[in-house]
C-alpha cells in the first residue's frame, strides 16, 4: 500500500479539515467494540475482517484529527452511525481499506470509493452506464473504454455515499450521469431524488494509485 500516494490524492480531493485513515483489510488485528460486532454477528470471517478494517480505518481518521476513537455501529441499512457532529465514509477492496471523516458543520455528506483499476465487466455496462456515460465513452479507443466504465462505476459509488445522509434514498446507477474533467467530476442527477432535483450535481475528484481508482465526493454545507 503506497500510503503517501493515497494520502496525497485524498488530500487533493477533500482538502483540509479531513481525517484520513488506512488499514490492511487482510489483517486480523482490528478489534471491534461489542456494538459494532453485532452488525456482523452472522457474517463469514472474510466479511468480519473487512468490516473491522473499515472501523479501524475510521478510528485512525478520527485520531488524525486529534479526536477520541469512537464506537461506530451500523444502522439497519448497514450505513455507519457516526458520532454526533461527525460524518465520514469508508471503502475497501481486497487490498486496501480507506476512510475519511470530518464534521457536519462543514459537510452534509462525504463519499469515498476504491475499485480495482481494471475494465468493468461487460455484463455490468447496462446496469452502470447511463446513456450520457456511453456517449462520453464512445470516442475513446476500444482498449480504454472498459477502464473508463470502471472509473464511472467508482465515481457513482462515491457520489451515492455522499448523498445518502441527505436524501436517505436508495437508487440505481442510472440515476446519475458522470461528467469528467481532468481529475474532477460532476455526478448529475437524471431525475429528482429529494431534496436533489434533476440537473443538480455532486462534485468530487478522482485519482489512480496502487492499481486502484479512488473517487471522493463532497456535499458542503450551504
Foldseek 3Di string as FASTA:
>chain_A
DPVVVVVVVVCVWPPPQKFKFKDFLVDPPQDADPLACVVCVPPDPSVVSNSSRQLVRVQNSCVVVVHHRDHWHADPVRHTDDPPQKAKEWEDDNGMIMIMMHGQLWFLFKFKYKDQQDFDDPVCCVFAAAPLQCVVLVVDPPRCSRSSSVLSVRQLRRQCRGCCSPLVDDDTNNQWHWDDDDFKIWTAGCADRPVDHHGDTWITGWDDDPRMIMIMTTGTDD
